[in-house]
Structure formats: C-alpha cells, structure tokens
C-alpha cells in the first residue's frame, strides 16, 4: 500500500481533468436530512460541470425517507433510488451503493448531513495518483464514548490487517470504481469499511488520506454505537481476517 496524508490540498483545489463520478448516500430513517443532503450534493456536482449520478440507498427506512427519495428522483433524472425492503445493515447499504455506481469514480458519505459535500471536490485531483482517498474526521462532533470506541476500533483493525489508516469508519471516502470489480464483500454491518480497505490493500491499491470537517447531527438518531452492532463487528473482524489471508 502506498499511503500519504494529503492535508496540503486546499479548499479551492478541483479536478485536473474531466471525471465521471457516482455519489451515493446510505440512509436509514433520514427523513429530516436526506432532501437537504442530496440537494447540497447536486449543487456541488452541477457546479463542477462533470458527468455524475447521485444514488440514494434506502436501507429499509421506517419513516418517510423512501417517499422523499422517490420525490427527489422524480424531479431529477440524475438521481436514482436503491431500496432495501427491510433494514439489512450499513454494510449491505454500502454494497448496494457500490454495485449501483456506473461512473469512473465512486464517492459515498452518510445521509445524515454530518459532512460537507463541498469538501469532496478537493479530493478529485488525488485520484490521478491514488486508487482511494480515505478521509478522517477533524474535531469529530460525536459523544466522547463514541469517539473512544472509534479510536479503539481503528487501532484494532489496523493492527489486525497491518494498515495505517487514521479513521477507518469515516464516512467520506472516494474510490476508483474499478477496484470493486471481482471484490467479494461479505460484511453486512459495521465491519464494511475495514473489509473494503483491507481487501483493496491486499490487491495492491494505493491509499491516501485527507482530513475533513465533521458536524453535529441536526435530525434523526445515530445507530452505529448500538452495543449489539459493536459486538457483531468484533466477532466478524477475526472471521474476516481468516477469509482475507486465505483468499
């Protein structure tokens, strides 16, 4: 793995050449966030004047997320909706997003609006040299317990897979879509980010890192800190290690 930290990229940086990009948002019960989040993405992407698509992955939401997503897609043919009839988990939502992506690059961030999509364009020039930009949260706006869990999880995953990633689960990542060709992903839950990076590194993909700002959630509720979700991720981590090292 080639790893760099690219914090010297400025906010005014933009793509050096025309790119095509799929941007997707995994959503679960995000009726209070999804319209604003998608509109912000459309504003940024239209300003870039690039070939793009926006994908909303509704992971079996029980609120009006699916209805709102359908309304957005009906008004803009560059937006499409992928729906899970029931809640399958964060990893399954990401897998569906990557499978639906048809452009050269694929970027995802959560539908909760805790990141600013305006910080995505400065990542694009990095794709001329790297296969993945894995971002990390600057001044993470989460409860202290969640921040400690995230720090410990990142350290453990990096130890298990021999990686040097600052923030494994930061939901602000950009990939070359081709890296997902012939990549068999098995994680349906919280382990998905670790699995993607571990498998990509094993394939020889190059990774760079960049800090992005993190903002407080303004609507909806977090689900990632659920104890059952955490315990499941730990159990699956060591199964995944065996899978990857024997693949």
Foldseek 3Di string as FASTA:
>chain_A
DAEAADAVQDLPAFAPDAFEEEEEAEDAQQPVQQVVVVVLLVVLVVVNVHHYAYEYEYQQHPDCPVVVLVVVCVVDVSYDYHYDVHHQEDLVSVVVSLVPDDTQKYKYAYRQPFFRCSSVRSCNNVVVPFFKEDEDEDPAPDDPVVVVLQQVVVVVLCVLLVHDDRGQQHRTMMGRSVLCVVQDDDDRYDCNSSLSVSLSVVVVGHYYYYYGYTHDGDDDDDDCVPPVRVVVNVVVSVVSSVVSVVD
